[in-house]
Amino acid sequence: MKRSIRILTCTTFVLAGATSAWAEDAKDLYLSKCATCHGANGAGKTAMGRKLKAQDVHVTVGKMTADQMITIVTDGKGQDMAGYGKQFTKDQIKELVEYYRGLAK
């Protein structure tokens, strides 16, 4: 019984750590892959963002669902944005979109 409790406790701590690490990974992914165009704050006011007419995150969140954004991150958006479906897992893409949407708060 004590062994089961220790395993459960360890698992809980590992999962709690993974959740915060996962969120940090989403931020790192965003800053390394998305911020060049969308900006670190999601405003899209970078040189590349202006060139591609990237919208502010507040506008985008009002127009698109999370699922629509996941599709764009996975498949890309025309010639302006490459898809990341082969580079990132589905969970990473979901977390990346959640991070981006969170910038609007």
PDB file of N, CA and C in Angstrom:
ATOM      1  N   MET A   1       0.818  -1.195   0.000  1.00  0.00           N
ATOM      2  CA  MET A   1       0.000   0.000   0.000  1.00  0.00           C
ATOM      3  C   MET A   1       0.862   1.259   0.000  1.00  0.00           C
ATOM      4  N   LYS A   2       1.924   1.282   0.852  1.00  0.00           N
ATOM      5  CA  LYS A   2       2.790   2.455   0.909  1.00  0.00           C
ATOM      6  C   LYS A   2       3.477   2.685  -0.432  1.00  0.00           C
ATOM      7  N   ARG A   3       3.839   1.618  -1.097  1.00  0.00           N
ATOM      8  CA  ARG A   3       4.505   1.734  -2.395  1.00  0.00           C
ATOM      9  C   ARG A   3       3.551   2.377  -3.400  1.00  0.00           C
ATOM     10  N   SER A   4       2.291   1.978  -3.400  1.00  0.00           N
ATOM     11  CA  SER A   4       1.296   2.550  -4.312  1.00  0.00           C
ATOM     12  C   SER A   4       1.127   4.040  -4.076  1.00  0.00           C
ATOM     13  N   ILE A   5       1.120   4.441  -2.827  1.00  0.00           N
ATOM     14  CA  ILE A   5       0.969   5.858  -2.496  1.00  0.00           C
ATOM     15  C   ILE A   5       2.188   6.638  -2.978  1.00  0.00           C
ATOM     16  N   ARG A   6       3.381   6.081  -2.788  1.00  0.00           N
ATOM     17  CA  ARG A   6       4.595   6.756  -3.247  1.00  0.00           C
ATOM     18  C   ARG A   6       4.598   6.904  -4.760  1.00  0.00           C
ATOM     19  N   ILE A   7       4.192   5.870  -5.458  1.00  0.00           N
ATOM     20  CA  ILE A   7       4.151   5.932  -6.923  1.00  0.00           C
ATOM     21  C   ILE A   7       3.149   6.983  -7.377  1.00  0.00           C
ATOM     22  N   LEU A   8       1.980   7.000  -6.777  1.00  0.00           N
ATOM     23  CA  LEU A   8       0.958   7.983  -7.125  1.00  0.00           C
ATOM     24  C   LEU A   8       1.454   9.395  -6.847  1.00  0.00           C
ATOM     25  N   THR A   9       2.107   9.598  -5.707  1.00  0.00           N
ATOM     26  CA  THR A   9       2.641  10.905  -5.349  1.00  0.00           C
ATOM     27  C   THR A   9       3.702  11.340  -6.352  1.00  0.00           C
ATOM     28  N   CYS A  10       4.610  10.451  -6.693  1.00  0.00           N
ATOM     29  CA  CYS A  10       5.650  10.770  -7.672  1.00  0.00           C
ATOM     30  C   CYS A  10       5.040  11.101  -9.021  1.00  0.00           C
ATOM     31  N   THR A  11       4.072  10.334  -9.423  1.00  0.00           N
ATOM     32  CA  THR A  11       3.415  10.572 -10.701  1.00  0.00           C
ATOM     33  C   THR A  11       2.736  11.937 -10.710  1.00  0.00           C
ATOM     34  N   THR A  12       2.095  12.294  -9.615  1.00  0.00           N
ATOM     35  CA  THR A  12       1.429  13.584  -9.525  1.00  0.00           C
ATOM     36  C   THR A  12       2.430  14.715  -9.661  1.00  0.00           C
ATOM     37  N   PHE A  13       3.558  14.627  -8.973  1.00  0.00           N
ATOM     38  CA  PHE A  13       4.570  15.667  -9.069  1.00  0.00           C
ATOM     39  C   PHE A  13       5.152  15.742 -10.468  1.00  0.00           C
ATOM     40  N   VAL A  14       5.405  14.617 -11.085  1.00  0.00           N
ATOM     41  CA  VAL A  14       5.944  14.600 -12.439  1.00  0.00           C
ATOM     42  C   VAL A  14       4.956  15.248 -13.406  1.00  0.00           C
ATOM     43  N   LEU A  15       3.692  14.890 -13.311  1.00  0.00           N
ATOM     44  CA  LEU A  15       2.690  15.471 -14.206  1.00  0.00           C
ATOM     45  C   LEU A  15       2.517  16.958 -13.961  1.00  0.00           C
ATOM     46  N   ALA A  16       2.544  17.394 -12.729  1.00  0.00           N
ATOM     47  CA  ALA A  16       2.428  18.823 -12.429  1.00  0.00           C
ATOM     48  C   ALA A  16       3.609  19.575 -13.021  1.00  0.00           C
ATOM     49  N   GLY A  17       4.792  19.011 -12.912  1.00  0.00           N
ATOM     50  CA  GLY A  17       5.975  19.629 -13.506  1.00  0.00           C
ATOM     51  C   GLY A  17       5.906  19.646 -15.012  1.00  0.00           C
ATOM     52  N   ALA A  18       5.360  18.579 -15.598  1.00  0.00           N
ATOM     53  CA  ALA A  18       5.243  18.511 -17.053  1.00  0.00           C
ATOM     54  C   ALA A  18       4.295  19.576 -17.565  1.00  0.00           C
ATOM     55  N   THR A  19       3.227  19.854 -16.819  1.00  0.00           N
ATOM     56  CA  THR A  19       2.271  20.860 -17.255  1.00  0.00           C
ATOM     57  C   THR A  19       2.925  22.227 -17.321  1.00  0.00           C
ATOM     58  N   SER A  20       3.669  22.613 -16.294  1.00  0.00           N
ATOM     59  CA  SER A  20       4.311  23.923 -16.327  1.00  0.00           C
ATOM     60  C   SER A  20       5.433  23.944 -17.359  1.00  0.00           C
ATOM     61  N   ALA A  21       6.145  22.833 -17.513  1.00  0.00           N
ATOM     62  CA  ALA A  21       7.190  22.760 -18.530  1.00  0.00           C
ATOM     63  C   ALA A  21       6.588  22.834 -19.921  1.00  0.00           C
ATOM     64  N   TRP A  22       5.448  22.194 -20.098  1.00  0.00           N
ATOM     65  CA  TRP A  22       4.769  22.199 -21.396  1.00  0.00           C
ATOM     66  C   TRP A  22       4.359  23.613 -21.767  1.00  0.00           C
ATOM     67  N   ALA A  23       3.817  24.367 -20.803  1.00  0.00           N
ATOM     68  CA  ALA A  23       3.437  25.756 -21.057  1.00  0.00           C
ATOM     69  C   ALA A  23       4.666  26.574 -21.413  1.00  0.00           C
ATOM     70  N   GLU A  24       5.763  26.338 -20.754  1.00  0.00           N
ATOM     71  CA  GLU A  24       7.002  27.040 -21.064  1.00  0.00           C
ATOM     72  C   GLU A  24       7.483  26.667 -22.464  1.00  0.00           C
ATOM     73  N   ASP A  25       7.334  25.408 -22.836  1.00  0.00           N
ATOM     74  CA  ASP A  25       7.696  24.992 -24.190  1.00  0.00           C
ATOM     75  C   ASP A  25       6.864  25.734 -25.225  1.00  0.00           C
ATOM     76  N   ALA A  26       5.589  25.922 -24.974  1.00  0.00           N
ATOM     77  CA  ALA A  26       4.716  26.642 -25.913  1.00  0.00           C
ATOM     78  C   ALA A  26       5.201  28.074 -26.071  1.00  0.00           C
ATOM     79  N   LYS A  27       5.580  28.697 -24.971  1.00  0.00           N
ATOM     80  CA  LYS A  27       6.095  30.068 -25.043  1.00  0.00           C
ATOM     81  C   LYS A  27       7.387  30.101 -25.857  1.00  0.00           C
ATOM     82  N   ASP A  28       8.278  29.163 -25.583  1.00  0.00           N
ATOM     83  CA  ASP A  28       9.545  29.101 -26.316  1.00  0.00           C
ATOM     84  C   ASP A  28       9.314  28.861 -27.806  1.00  0.00           C
ATOM     85  N   LEU A  29       8.396  27.938 -28.126  1.00  0.00           N
ATOM     86  CA  LEU A  29       8.072  27.680 -29.532  1.00  0.00           C
ATOM     87  C   LEU A  29       7.527  28.938 -30.195  1.00  0.00           C
ATOM     88  N   TYR A  30       6.615  29.603 -29.503  1.00  0.00           N
ATOM     89  CA  TYR A  30       6.024  30.823 -30.047  1.00  0.00           C
ATOM     90  C   TYR A  30       7.115  31.866 -30.312  1.00  0.00           C
ATOM     91  N   LEU A  31       7.965  32.089 -29.323  1.00  0.00           N
ATOM     92  CA  LEU A  31       8.999  33.108 -29.477  1.00  0.00           C
ATOM     93  C   LEU A  31       9.995  32.754 -30.580  1.00  0.00           C
ATOM     94  N   SER A  32      10.273  31.474 -30.773  1.00  0.00           N
ATOM     95  CA  SER A  32      11.243  31.093 -31.796  1.00  0.00           C
ATOM     96  C   SER A  32      10.645  30.965 -33.194  1.00  0.00           C
ATOM     97  N   LYS A  33       9.376  30.589 -33.297  1.00  0.00           N
ATOM     98  CA  LYS A  33       8.796  30.340 -34.616  1.00  0.00           C
ATOM     99  C   LYS A  33       7.764  31.373 -35.065  1.00  0.00           C
ATOM    100  N   CYS A  34       7.085  32.018 -34.130  1.00  0.00           N
ATOM    101  CA  CYS A  34       5.936  32.861 -34.483  1.00  0.00           C
ATOM    102  C   CYS A  34       6.174  34.350 -34.275  1.00  0.00           C
ATOM    103  N   ALA A  35       6.989  34.692 -33.283  1.00  0.00           N
ATOM    104  CA  ALA A  35       7.154  36.087 -32.903  1.00  0.00           C
ATOM    105  C   ALA A  35       7.789  36.943 -33.989  1.00  0.00           C
ATOM    106  N   THR A  36       8.516  36.338 -34.902  1.00  0.00           N
ATOM    107  CA  THR A  36       9.128  37.096 -35.985  1.00  0.00           C
ATOM    108  C   THR A  36       8.071  37.867 -36.769  1.00  0.00           C
ATOM    109  N   CYS A  37       6.929  37.254 -36.967  1.00  0.00           N
ATOM    110  CA  CYS A  37       5.833  37.915 -37.690  1.00  0.00           C
ATOM    111  C   CYS A  37       4.763  38.463 -36.749  1.00  0.00           C
ATOM    112  N   HIS A  38       4.373  37.657 -35.772  1.00  0.00           N
ATOM    113  CA  HIS A  38       3.257  38.021 -34.903  1.00  0.00           C
ATOM    114  C   HIS A  38       3.669  38.901 -33.730  1.00  0.00           C
ATOM    115  N   GLY A  39       4.968  39.010 -33.467  1.00  0.00           N
ATOM    116  CA  GLY A  39       5.461  39.809 -32.358  1.00  0.00           C
ATOM    117  C   GLY A  39       5.393  39.054 -31.052  1.00  0.00           C
ATOM    118  N   ALA A  40       6.292  39.371 -30.141  1.00  0.00           N
ATOM    119  CA  ALA A  40       6.335  38.683 -28.853  1.00  0.00           C
ATOM    120  C   ALA A  40       5.038  38.861 -28.075  1.00  0.00           C
ATOM    121  N   ASN A  41       4.362  39.994 -28.298  1.00  0.00           N
ATOM    122  CA  ASN A  41       3.110  40.268 -27.593  1.00  0.00           C
ATOM    123  C   ASN A  41       1.873  39.973 -28.440  1.00  0.00           C
ATOM    124  N   GLY A  42       2.073  39.480 -29.662  1.00  0.00           N
ATOM    125  CA  GLY A  42       0.955  39.125 -30.535  1.00  0.00           C
ATOM    126  C   GLY A  42       0.382  40.280 -31.335  1.00  0.00           C
ATOM    127  N   ALA A  43       0.990  41.445 -31.247  1.00  0.00           N
ATOM    128  CA  ALA A  43       0.451  42.628 -31.921  1.00  0.00           C
ATOM    129  C   ALA A  43       0.716  42.629 -33.425  1.00  0.00           C
ATOM    130  N   GLY A  44       1.669  41.836 -33.888  1.00  0.00           N
ATOM    131  CA  GLY A  44       1.964  41.772 -35.321  1.00  0.00           C
ATOM    132  C   GLY A  44       2.688  42.995 -35.856  1.00  0.00           C
ATOM    133  N   LYS A  45       3.285  43.791 -34.986  1.00  0.00           N
ATOM    134  CA  LYS A  45       3.918  45.040 -35.399  1.00  0.00           C
ATOM    135  C   LYS A  45       5.428  44.888 -35.615  1.00  0.00           C
ATOM    136  N   THR A  46       5.818  43.753 -36.129  1.00  0.00           N
ATOM    137  CA  THR A  46       7.221  43.543 -36.491  1.00  0.00           C
ATOM    138  C   THR A  46       7.381  43.921 -37.959  1.00  0.00           C
ATOM    139  N   ALA A  47       8.606  44.011 -38.427  1.00  0.00           N
ATOM    140  CA  ALA A  47       8.837  44.336 -39.837  1.00  0.00           C
ATOM    141  C   ALA A  47       8.161  43.300 -40.736  1.00  0.00           C
ATOM    142  N   MET A  48       8.344  42.033 -40.420  1.00  0.00           N
ATOM    143  CA  MET A  48       7.737  40.973 -41.223  1.00  0.00           C
ATOM    144  C   MET A  48       6.220  40.972 -41.044  1.00  0.00           C
ATOM    145  N   GLY A  49       5.759  41.210 -39.837  1.00  0.00           N
ATOM    146  CA  GLY A  49       4.322  41.257 -39.571  1.00  0.00           C
ATOM    147  C   GLY A  49       3.633  42.349 -40.373  1.00  0.00           C
ATOM    148  N   ARG A  50       4.261  43.508 -40.445  1.00  0.00           N
ATOM    149  CA  ARG A  50       3.691  44.610 -41.244  1.00  0.00           C
ATOM    150  C   ARG A  50       3.668  44.239 -42.724  1.00  0.00           C
ATOM    151  N   LYS A  51       4.748  43.638 -43.181  1.00  0.00           N
ATOM    152  CA  LYS A  51       4.841  43.243 -44.596  1.00  0.00           C
ATOM    153  C   LYS A  51       3.747  42.248 -44.958  1.00  0.00           C
ATOM    154  N   LEU A  52       3.475  41.300 -44.059  1.00  0.00           N
ATOM    155  CA  LEU A  52       2.468  40.270 -44.312  1.00  0.00           C
ATOM    156  C   LEU A  52       1.070  40.656 -43.823  1.00  0.00           C
ATOM    157  N   LYS A  53       0.980  41.854 -43.233  1.00  0.00           N
ATOM    158  CA  LYS A  53      -0.293  42.357 -42.699  1.00  0.00           C
ATOM    159  C   LYS A  53      -0.866  41.425 -41.631  1.00  0.00           C
ATOM    160  N   ALA A  54       0.022  40.996 -40.738  1.00  0.00           N
ATOM    161  CA  ALA A  54      -0.405  40.148 -39.619  1.00  0.00           C
ATOM    162  C   ALA A  54      -1.300  40.970 -38.699  1.00  0.00           C
ATOM    163  N   GLN A  55      -2.415  40.393 -38.324  1.00  0.00           N
ATOM    164  CA  GLN A  55      -3.350  41.100 -37.455  1.00  0.00           C
ATOM    165  C   GLN A  55      -2.952  40.953 -35.991  1.00  0.00           C
ATOM    166  N   ASP A  56      -3.374  41.921 -35.206  1.00  0.00           N
ATOM    167  CA  ASP A  56      -3.187  41.864 -33.763  1.00  0.00           C
ATOM    168  C   ASP A  56      -3.945  40.657 -33.216  1.00  0.00           C
ATOM    169  N   VAL A  57      -3.399  40.020 -32.199  1.00  0.00           N
ATOM    170  CA  VAL A  57      -4.014  38.838 -31.599  1.00  0.00           C
ATOM    171  C   VAL A  57      -5.442  39.130 -31.134  1.00  0.00           C
ATOM    172  N   HIS A  58      -5.706  40.349 -30.670  1.00  0.00           N
ATOM    173  CA  HIS A  58      -7.051  40.697 -30.199  1.00  0.00           C
ATOM    174  C   HIS A  58      -8.066  40.606 -31.337  1.00  0.00           C
ATOM    175  N   VAL A  59      -7.657  40.996 -32.531  1.00  0.00           N
ATOM    176  CA  VAL A  59      -8.525  40.906 -33.708  1.00  0.00           C
ATOM    177  C   VAL A  59      -8.685  39.451 -34.126  1.00  0.00           C
ATOM    178  N   THR A  60      -7.583  38.739 -34.200  1.00  0.00           N
ATOM    179  CA  THR A  60      -7.603  37.344 -34.646  1.00  0.00           C
ATOM    180  C   THR A  60      -8.464  36.473 -33.740  1.00  0.00           C
ATOM    181  N   VAL A  61      -8.321  36.635 -32.429  1.00  0.00           N
ATOM    182  CA  VAL A  61      -9.093  35.835 -31.486  1.00  0.00           C
ATOM    183  C   VAL A  61     -10.591  36.103 -31.646  1.00  0.00           C
ATOM    184  N   GLY A  62     -10.939  37.329 -31.999  1.00  0.00           N
ATOM    185  CA  GLY A  62     -12.345  37.663 -32.213  1.00  0.00           C
ATOM    186  C   GLY A  62     -12.925  37.080 -33.489  1.00  0.00           C
ATOM    187  N   LYS A  63     -12.066  36.765 -34.448  1.00  0.00           N
ATOM    188  CA  LYS A  63     -12.512  36.259 -35.748  1.00  0.00           C
ATOM    189  C   LYS A  63     -12.405  34.751 -35.911  1.00  0.00           C
ATOM    190  N   MET A  64     -11.494  34.131 -35.168  1.00  0.00           N
ATOM    191  CA  MET A  64     -11.204  32.716 -35.395  1.00  0.00           C
ATOM    192  C   MET A  64     -11.323  31.902 -34.118  1.00  0.00           C
ATOM    193  N   THR A  65     -11.788  30.678 -34.267  1.00  0.00           N
ATOM    194  CA  THR A  65     -11.825  29.750 -33.139  1.00  0.00           C
ATOM    195  C   THR A  65     -10.439  29.134 -32.951  1.00  0.00           C
ATOM    196  N   ALA A  66     -10.240  28.522 -31.817  1.00  0.00           N
ATOM    197  CA  ALA A  66      -8.982  27.820 -31.553  1.00  0.00           C
ATOM    198  C   ALA A  66      -8.774  26.706 -32.587  1.00  0.00           C
ATOM    199  N   ASP A  67      -9.839  26.000 -32.941  1.00  0.00           N
ATOM    200  CA  ASP A  67      -9.721  24.923 -33.929  1.00  0.00           C
ATOM    201  C   ASP A  67      -9.292  25.454 -35.296  1.00  0.00           C
ATOM    202  N   GLN A  68      -9.808  26.601 -35.682  1.00  0.00           N
ATOM    203  CA  GLN A  68      -9.395  27.196 -36.958  1.00  0.00           C
ATOM    204  C   GLN A  68      -7.919  27.570 -36.926  1.00  0.00           C
ATOM    205  N   MET A  69      -7.481  28.100 -35.793  1.00  0.00           N
ATOM    206  CA  MET A  69      -6.068  28.466 -35.648  1.00  0.00           C
ATOM    207  C   MET A  69      -5.177  27.231 -35.667  1.00  0.00           C
ATOM    208  N   ILE A  70      -5.634  26.173 -35.027  1.00  0.00           N
ATOM    209  CA  ILE A  70      -4.869  24.924 -35.024  1.00  0.00           C
ATOM    210  C   ILE A  70      -4.688  24.421 -36.459  1.00  0.00           C
ATOM    211  N   THR A  71      -5.730  24.512 -37.254  1.00  0.00           N
ATOM    212  CA  THR A  71      -5.645  24.093 -38.658  1.00  0.00           C
ATOM    213  C   THR A  71      -4.614  24.928 -39.414  1.00  0.00           C
ATOM    214  N   ILE A  72      -4.610  26.229 -39.182  1.00  0.00           N
ATOM    215  CA  ILE A  72      -3.656  27.102 -39.867  1.00  0.00           C
ATOM    216  C   ILE A  72      -2.230  26.797 -39.429  1.00  0.00           C
ATOM    217  N   VAL A  73      -2.015  26.622 -38.132  1.00  0.00           N
ATOM    218  CA  VAL A  73      -0.659  26.312 -37.656  1.00  0.00           C
ATOM    219  C   VAL A  73      -0.219  24.962 -38.208  1.00  0.00           C
ATOM    220  N   THR A  74      -1.127  24.019 -38.301  1.00  0.00           N
ATOM    221  CA  THR A  74      -0.796  22.682 -38.809  1.00  0.00           C
ATOM    222  C   THR A  74      -0.508  22.705 -40.304  1.00  0.00           C
ATOM    223  N   ASP A  75      -1.394  23.330 -41.081  1.00  0.00           N
ATOM    224  CA  ASP A  75      -1.320  23.268 -42.545  1.00  0.00           C
ATOM    225  C   ASP A  75      -0.668  24.476 -43.198  1.00  0.00           C
ATOM    226  N   GLY A  76      -0.577  25.583 -42.496  1.00  0.00           N
ATOM    227  CA  GLY A  76      -0.049  26.808 -43.068  1.00  0.00           C
ATOM    228  C   GLY A  76      -1.163  27.668 -43.630  1.00  0.00           C
ATOM    229  N   LYS A  77      -0.775  28.844 -44.115  1.00  0.00           N
ATOM    230  CA  LYS A  77      -1.743  29.794 -44.660  1.00  0.00           C
ATOM    231  C   LYS A  77      -1.183  30.371 -45.954  1.00  0.00           C
ATOM    232  N   GLY A  78      -1.521  29.711 -47.043  1.00  0.00           N
ATOM    233  CA  GLY A  78      -1.028  30.170 -48.346  1.00  0.00           C
ATOM    234  C   GLY A  78       0.485  30.229 -48.385  1.00  0.00           C
ATOM    235  N   GLN A  79       0.996  31.254 -49.052  1.00  0.00           N
ATOM    236  CA  GLN A  79       2.449  31.418 -49.144  1.00  0.00           C
ATOM    237  C   GLN A  79       3.008  32.248 -47.994  1.00  0.00           C
ATOM    238  N   ASP A  80       2.107  32.832 -47.201  1.00  0.00           N
ATOM    239  CA  ASP A  80       2.549  33.724 -46.132  1.00  0.00           C
ATOM    240  C   ASP A  80       3.000  33.001 -44.867  1.00  0.00           C
ATOM    241  N   MET A  81       2.465  31.809 -44.625  1.00  0.00           N
ATOM    242  CA  MET A  81       2.805  31.110 -43.391  1.00  0.00           C
ATOM    243  C   MET A  81       2.955  29.617 -43.651  1.00  0.00           C
ATOM    244  N   ALA A  82       4.118  29.104 -43.280  1.00  0.00           N
ATOM    245  CA  ALA A  82       4.367  27.668 -43.431  1.00  0.00           C
ATOM    246  C   ALA A  82       3.584  26.895 -42.376  1.00  0.00           C
ATOM    247  N   GLY A  83       3.246  25.676 -42.697  1.00  0.00           N
ATOM    248  CA  GLY A  83       2.588  24.797 -41.733  1.00  0.00           C
ATOM    249  C   GLY A  83       3.619  24.101 -40.868  1.00  0.00           C
ATOM    250  N   TYR A  84       3.230  23.799 -39.648  1.00  0.00           N
ATOM    251  CA  TYR A  84       4.144  23.154 -38.708  1.00  0.00           C
ATOM    252  C   TYR A  84       3.682  21.759 -38.314  1.00  0.00           C
ATOM    253  N   GLY A  85       2.747  21.202 -39.053  1.00  0.00           N
ATOM    254  CA  GLY A  85       2.200  19.890 -38.734  1.00  0.00           C
ATOM    255  C   GLY A  85       3.208  18.758 -38.767  1.00  0.00           C
ATOM    256  N   LYS A  86       4.278  18.919 -39.513  1.00  0.00           N
ATOM    257  CA  LYS A  86       5.300  17.874 -39.573  1.00  0.00           C
ATOM    258  C   LYS A  86       6.424  18.109 -38.570  1.00  0.00           C
ATOM    259  N   GLN A  87       6.530  19.327 -38.067  1.00  0.00           N
ATOM    260  CA  GLN A  87       7.586  19.653 -37.098  1.00  0.00           C
ATOM    261  C   GLN A  87       7.140  19.472 -35.660  1.00  0.00           C
ATOM    262  N   PHE A  88       5.860  19.770 -35.395  1.00  0.00           N
ATOM    263  CA  PHE A  88       5.345  19.745 -34.033  1.00  0.00           C
ATOM    264  C   PHE A  88       4.273  18.679 -33.887  1.00  0.00           C
ATOM    265  N   THR A  89       4.106  18.187 -32.673  1.00  0.00           N
ATOM    266  CA  THR A  89       3.027  17.247 -32.400  1.00  0.00           C
ATOM    267  C   THR A  89       1.703  18.011 -32.331  1.00  0.00           C
ATOM    268  N   LYS A  90       0.602  17.281 -32.378  1.00  0.00           N
ATOM    269  CA  LYS A  90      -0.707  17.905 -32.248  1.00  0.00           C
ATOM    270  C   LYS A  90      -0.836  18.623 -30.909  1.00  0.00           C
ATOM    271  N   ASP A  91      -0.306  18.017 -29.859  1.00  0.00           N
ATOM    272  CA  ASP A  91      -0.369  18.638 -28.537  1.00  0.00           C
ATOM    273  C   ASP A  91       0.449  19.928 -28.490  1.00  0.00           C
ATOM    274  N   GLN A  92       1.609  19.934 -29.118  1.00  0.00           N
ATOM    275  CA  GLN A  92       2.426  21.145 -29.150  1.00  0.00           C
ATOM    276  C   GLN A  92       1.697  22.264 -29.894  1.00  0.00           C
ATOM    277  N   ILE A  93       1.062  21.921 -30.993  1.00  0.00           N
ATOM    278  CA  ILE A  93       0.329  22.926 -31.768  1.00  0.00           C
ATOM    279  C   ILE A  93      -0.843  23.465 -30.957  1.00  0.00           C
ATOM    280  N   LYS A  94      -1.538  22.586 -30.285  1.00  0.00           N
ATOM    281  CA  LYS A  94      -2.658  23.021 -29.449  1.00  0.00           C
ATOM    282  C   LYS A  94      -2.167  23.978 -28.363  1.00  0.00           C
ATOM    283  N   GLU A  95      -1.083  23.624 -27.687  1.00  0.00           N
ATOM    284  CA  GLU A  95      -0.524  24.482 -26.643  1.00  0.00           C
ATOM    285  C   GLU A  95      -0.021  25.802 -27.211  1.00  0.00           C
ATOM    286  N   LEU A  96       0.543  25.760 -28.399  1.00  0.00           N
ATOM    287  CA  LEU A  96       1.026  26.969 -29.066  1.00  0.00           C
ATOM    288  C   LEU A  96      -0.127  27.925 -29.350  1.00  0.00           C
ATOM    289  N   VAL A  97      -1.228  27.395 -29.858  1.00  0.00           N
ATOM    290  CA  VAL A  97      -2.415  28.204 -30.123  1.00  0.00           C
ATOM    291  C   VAL A  97      -2.993  28.747 -28.810  1.00  0.00           C
ATOM    292  N   GLU A  98      -3.035  27.929 -27.786  1.00  0.00           N
ATOM    293  CA  GLU A  98      -3.531  28.399 -26.483  1.00  0.00           C
ATOM    294  C   GLU A  98      -2.653  29.526 -25.949  1.00  0.00           C
ATOM    295  N   TYR A  99      -1.348  29.396 -26.124  1.00  0.00           N
ATOM    296  CA  TYR A  99      -0.438  30.449 -25.675  1.00  0.00           C
ATOM    297  C   TYR A  99      -0.723  31.744 -26.447  1.00  0.00           C
ATOM    298  N   TYR A 100      -0.821  31.632 -27.762  1.00  0.00           N
ATOM    299  CA  TYR A 100      -1.087  32.811 -28.597  1.00  0.00           C
ATOM    300  C   TYR A 100      -2.417  33.460 -28.209  1.00  0.00           C
ATOM    301  N   ARG A 101      -3.447  32.669 -28.067  1.00  0.00           N
ATOM    302  CA  ARG A 101      -4.756  33.206 -27.685  1.00  0.00           C
ATOM    303  C   ARG A 101      -4.687  33.875 -26.306  1.00  0.00           C
ATOM    304  N   GLY A 102      -3.851  33.347 -25.442  1.00  0.00           N
ATOM    305  CA  GLY A 102      -3.683  33.918 -24.116  1.00  0.00           C
ATOM    306  C   GLY A 102      -3.054  35.304 -24.130  1.00  0.00           C
ATOM    307  N   LEU A 103      -2.341  35.628 -25.195  1.00  0.00           N
ATOM    308  CA  LEU A 103      -1.749  36.954 -25.306  1.00  0.00           C
ATOM    309  C   LEU A 103      -2.811  38.049 -25.419  1.00  0.00           C
ATOM    310  N   ALA A 104      -4.014  37.668 -25.804  1.00  0.00           N
ATOM    311  CA  ALA A 104      -5.103  38.637 -25.953  1.00  0.00           C
ATOM    312  C   ALA A 104      -5.738  39.011 -24.608  1.00  0.00           C
ATOM    313  N   LYS A 105      -5.396  38.290 -23.579  1.00  0.00           N
ATOM    314  CA  LYS A 105      -6.014  38.558 -22.253  1.00  0.00           C
ATOM    315  C   LYS A 105      -5.336  39.699 -21.550  1.00  0.00           C
TER     316      LYS A 105
END
